[in-house]
Amino acid sequence: MVVLPLADPARIVAADWNDGYGGYEPSALDGYAVLCGNPFDPLHVGGRDAEADLREVKRIIAAGDGQSRRVNYAEIVTDPDRGGNALFFPVNEEERDGYEALEEDGTVVCLAFIAY
């Protein structure tokens, strides 16, 4: 499970949780979950080489933090013109789902990902 809090706990508790990021399911790419907004999915961004992105992710995770500790995710900019990025997490499980906590005005205050 990965949880990305984007606001203080009180706002997250008060928010409404929805299944999936607006119908977008976290992508699966060769043993990695890819969390991103649908238009920034490396598998669907025109002109992107998703395999090159995956090689870079593997390199980042294998290189670690410079102190012999493995890092547990990598961030790749997939659409520099619009500031779009994707977070890659290694996962072994086949089933995956995402959730988002939204305030009444649509502000996202927390994202969660589970793999099982």
C-alpha atoms as a PDB file:
ATOM      1  CA  MET A   1       0.000   0.000   0.000  1.00  0.00           C
ATOM      2  CA  VAL A   2       1.155   3.510  -0.841  1.00  0.00           C
ATOM      3  CA  VAL A   3      -0.532   6.564   0.673  1.00  0.00           C
ATOM      4  CA  LEU A   4       0.213  10.080  -0.565  1.00  0.00           C
ATOM      5  CA  PRO A   5      -1.258  12.630   1.852  1.00  0.00           C
ATOM      6  CA  LEU A   6      -1.627  16.004   0.153  1.00  0.00           C
ATOM      7  CA  ALA A   7      -3.228  17.938   3.021  1.00  0.00           C
ATOM      8  CA  ASP A   8      -3.382  17.932   6.788  1.00  0.00           C
ATOM      9  CA  PRO A   9      -5.053  14.932   8.497  1.00  0.00           C
ATOM     10  CA  ALA A  10      -8.253  16.778   9.423  1.00  0.00           C
ATOM     11  CA  ARG A  11      -8.957  17.615   5.772  1.00  0.00           C
ATOM     12  CA  ILE A  12      -8.237  14.032   4.727  1.00  0.00           C
ATOM     13  CA  VAL A  13     -10.598  12.606   7.369  1.00  0.00           C
ATOM     14  CA  ALA A  14     -13.369  15.000   6.303  1.00  0.00           C
ATOM     15  CA  ALA A  15     -12.996  14.257   2.579  1.00  0.00           C
ATOM     16  CA  ASP A  16     -15.047  11.820   0.506  1.00  0.00           C
ATOM     17  CA  TRP A  17     -13.112   8.759  -0.693  1.00  0.00           C
ATOM     18  CA  ASN A  18     -13.751   7.452  -4.203  1.00  0.00           C
ATOM     19  CA  ASP A  19     -12.723   4.199  -5.827  1.00  0.00           C
ATOM     20  CA  GLY A  20     -10.140   4.708  -8.549  1.00  0.00           C
ATOM     21  CA  TYR A  21      -8.776   7.980  -9.791  1.00  0.00           C
ATOM     22  CA  GLY A  22     -11.816   9.069 -11.764  1.00  0.00           C
ATOM     23  CA  GLY A  23     -12.066   5.663 -13.437  1.00  0.00           C
ATOM     24  CA  TYR A  24      -8.316   5.510 -14.118  1.00  0.00           C
ATOM     25  CA  GLU A  25      -6.752   2.258 -12.957  1.00  0.00           C
ATOM     26  CA  PRO A  26      -3.065   2.271 -11.968  1.00  0.00           C
ATOM     27  CA  SER A  27      -1.103   0.881 -14.870  1.00  0.00           C
ATOM     28  CA  ALA A  28       0.930  -2.274 -14.675  1.00  0.00           C
ATOM     29  CA  LEU A  29       4.278  -2.257 -16.409  1.00  0.00           C
ATOM     30  CA  ASP A  30       6.604  -5.244 -16.028  1.00  0.00           C
ATOM     31  CA  GLY A  31       6.417  -5.608 -12.237  1.00  0.00           C
ATOM     32  CA  TYR A  32       5.761  -1.944 -11.469  1.00  0.00           C
ATOM     33  CA  ALA A  33       2.672   0.032 -10.601  1.00  0.00           C
ATOM     34  CA  VAL A  34       2.553   3.402 -12.310  1.00  0.00           C
ATOM     35  CA  LEU A  35       0.640   6.132 -10.508  1.00  0.00           C
ATOM     36  CA  CYS A  36      -0.193   9.179 -12.574  1.00  0.00           C
ATOM     37  CA  GLY A  37      -3.045  11.157 -14.013  1.00  0.00           C
ATOM     38  CA  ASN A  38      -4.442   9.455 -17.103  1.00  0.00           C
ATOM     39  CA  PRO A  39      -3.011  12.017 -19.567  1.00  0.00           C
ATOM     40  CA  PHE A  40       0.485  11.466 -18.139  1.00  0.00           C
ATOM     41  CA  ASP A  41       0.522   7.650 -18.281  1.00  0.00           C
ATOM     42  CA  PRO A  42       3.798   6.756 -20.041  1.00  0.00           C
ATOM     43  CA  LEU A  43       1.984   4.015 -21.935  1.00  0.00           C
ATOM     44  CA  HIS A  44      -0.329   6.596 -23.526  1.00  0.00           C
ATOM     45  CA  VAL A  45       1.699   9.803 -23.907  1.00  0.00           C
ATOM     46  CA  GLY A  46       2.422  10.335 -27.590  1.00  0.00           C
ATOM     47  CA  GLY A  47       6.103  10.087 -28.412  1.00  0.00           C
ATOM     48  CA  ARG A  48       7.030   8.432 -25.067  1.00  0.00           C
ATOM     49  CA  ASP A  49       9.150   5.316 -24.957  1.00  0.00           C
ATOM     50  CA  ALA A  50       7.618   3.484 -21.981  1.00  0.00           C
ATOM     51  CA  GLU A  51      10.352   0.847 -22.163  1.00  0.00           C
ATOM     52  CA  ALA A  52      13.028   3.553 -21.839  1.00  0.00           C
ATOM     53  CA  ASP A  53      11.106   4.968 -18.870  1.00  0.00           C
ATOM     54  CA  LEU A  54      11.071   1.506 -17.293  1.00  0.00           C
ATOM     55  CA  ARG A  55      14.824   1.099 -17.816  1.00  0.00           C
ATOM     56  CA  GLU A  56      15.375   4.463 -16.110  1.00  0.00           C
ATOM     57  CA  VAL A  57      13.092   3.466 -13.213  1.00  0.00           C
ATOM     58  CA  LYS A  58      15.018   0.221 -12.720  1.00  0.00           C
ATOM     59  CA  ARG A  59      18.302   2.151 -12.787  1.00  0.00           C
ATOM     60  CA  ILE A  60      17.073   4.667 -10.200  1.00  0.00           C
ATOM     61  CA  ILE A  61      15.792   1.994  -7.837  1.00  0.00           C
ATOM     62  CA  ALA A  62      18.895  -0.188  -8.221  1.00  0.00           C
ATOM     63  CA  ALA A  63      21.237   2.769  -7.637  1.00  0.00           C
ATOM     64  CA  GLY A  64      19.613   3.473  -4.292  1.00  0.00           C
ATOM     65  CA  ASP A  65      20.081   6.616  -2.271  1.00  0.00           C
ATOM     66  CA  GLY A  66      23.873   6.772  -2.434  1.00  0.00           C
ATOM     67  CA  GLN A  67      24.221   5.172   1.002  1.00  0.00           C
ATOM     68  CA  SER A  68      23.652   1.559  -0.050  1.00  0.00           C
ATOM     69  CA  ARG A  69      19.923   1.751   0.665  1.00  0.00           C
ATOM     70  CA  ARG A  70      17.432   0.779  -1.997  1.00  0.00           C
ATOM     71  CA  VAL A  71      14.878   3.430  -2.882  1.00  0.00           C
ATOM     72  CA  ASN A  72      11.311   2.192  -3.116  1.00  0.00           C
ATOM     73  CA  TYR A  73       9.968   4.355  -5.922  1.00  0.00           C
ATOM     74  CA  ALA A  74      11.072   6.449  -8.876  1.00  0.00           C
ATOM     75  CA  GLU A  75       9.527   9.558 -10.377  1.00  0.00           C
ATOM     76  CA  ILE A  76       9.716  10.142 -14.131  1.00  0.00           C
ATOM     77  CA  VAL A  77       8.564  13.317 -15.890  1.00  0.00           C
ATOM     78  CA  THR A  78       6.362  12.087 -18.725  1.00  0.00           C
ATOM     79  CA  ASP A  79       5.068  15.386 -20.086  1.00  0.00           C
ATOM     80  CA  PRO A  80       7.541  18.229 -19.408  1.00  0.00           C
ATOM     81  CA  ASP A  81       5.407  20.805 -21.235  1.00  0.00           C
ATOM     82  CA  ARG A  82       2.489  20.315 -18.827  1.00  0.00           C
ATOM     83  CA  GLY A  83       4.495  19.242 -15.778  1.00  0.00           C
ATOM     84  CA  GLY A  84       3.107  15.711 -15.849  1.00  0.00           C
ATOM     85  CA  ASN A  85       4.887  12.978 -13.963  1.00  0.00           C
ATOM     86  CA  ALA A  86       4.478   9.333 -13.018  1.00  0.00           C
ATOM     87  CA  LEU A  87       5.510   7.503  -9.859  1.00  0.00           C
ATOM     88  CA  PHE A  88       6.738   3.939 -10.339  1.00  0.00           C
ATOM     89  CA  PHE A  89       6.586   1.420  -7.472  1.00  0.00           C
ATOM     90  CA  PRO A  90       7.827  -2.172  -7.716  1.00  0.00           C
ATOM     91  CA  VAL A  91       4.993  -4.624  -6.997  1.00  0.00           C
ATOM     92  CA  ASN A  92       4.649  -8.387  -7.236  1.00  0.00           C
ATOM     93  CA  GLU A  93       0.877  -8.614  -6.990  1.00  0.00           C
ATOM     94  CA  GLU A  94      -1.329  -8.721 -10.058  1.00  0.00           C
ATOM     95  CA  GLU A  95      -4.412  -6.996  -8.626  1.00  0.00           C
ATOM     96  CA  ARG A  96      -4.183  -3.275  -7.946  1.00  0.00           C
ATOM     97  CA  ASP A  97      -6.520  -0.404  -7.269  1.00  0.00           C
ATOM     98  CA  GLY A  98      -6.374   3.282  -6.473  1.00  0.00           C
ATOM     99  CA  TYR A  99      -8.422   5.580  -4.275  1.00  0.00           C
ATOM    100  CA  GLU A 100      -8.633   9.335  -3.905  1.00  0.00           C
ATOM    101  CA  ALA A 101      -9.985  11.596  -1.179  1.00  0.00           C
ATOM    102  CA  LEU A 102     -11.775  14.649  -2.545  1.00  0.00           C
ATOM    103  CA  GLU A 103     -13.088  17.777  -0.872  1.00  0.00           C
ATOM    104  CA  GLU A 104     -16.451  19.194  -1.964  1.00  0.00           C
ATOM    105  CA  ASP A 105     -14.793  21.508  -4.495  1.00  0.00           C
ATOM    106  CA  GLY A 106     -12.936  18.562  -6.079  1.00  0.00           C
ATOM    107  CA  THR A 107      -9.578  19.247  -4.424  1.00  0.00           C
ATOM    108  CA  VAL A 108      -7.616  16.006  -4.058  1.00  0.00           C
ATOM    109  CA  VAL A 109      -6.310  15.749  -0.482  1.00  0.00           C
ATOM    110  CA  CYS A 110      -5.011  12.170  -0.438  1.00  0.00           C
ATOM    111  CA  LEU A 111      -4.244   9.330  -2.845  1.00  0.00           C
ATOM    112  CA  ALA A 112      -3.908   5.665  -1.926  1.00  0.00           C
ATOM    113  CA  PHE A 113      -2.767   2.642  -3.903  1.00  0.00           C
ATOM    114  CA  ILE A 114      -3.100  -1.008  -2.951  1.00  0.00           C
ATOM    115  CA  ALA A 115      -1.760  -4.141  -4.595  1.00  0.00           C
ATOM    116  CA  TYR A 116      -2.976  -7.604  -3.598  1.00  0.00           C
END
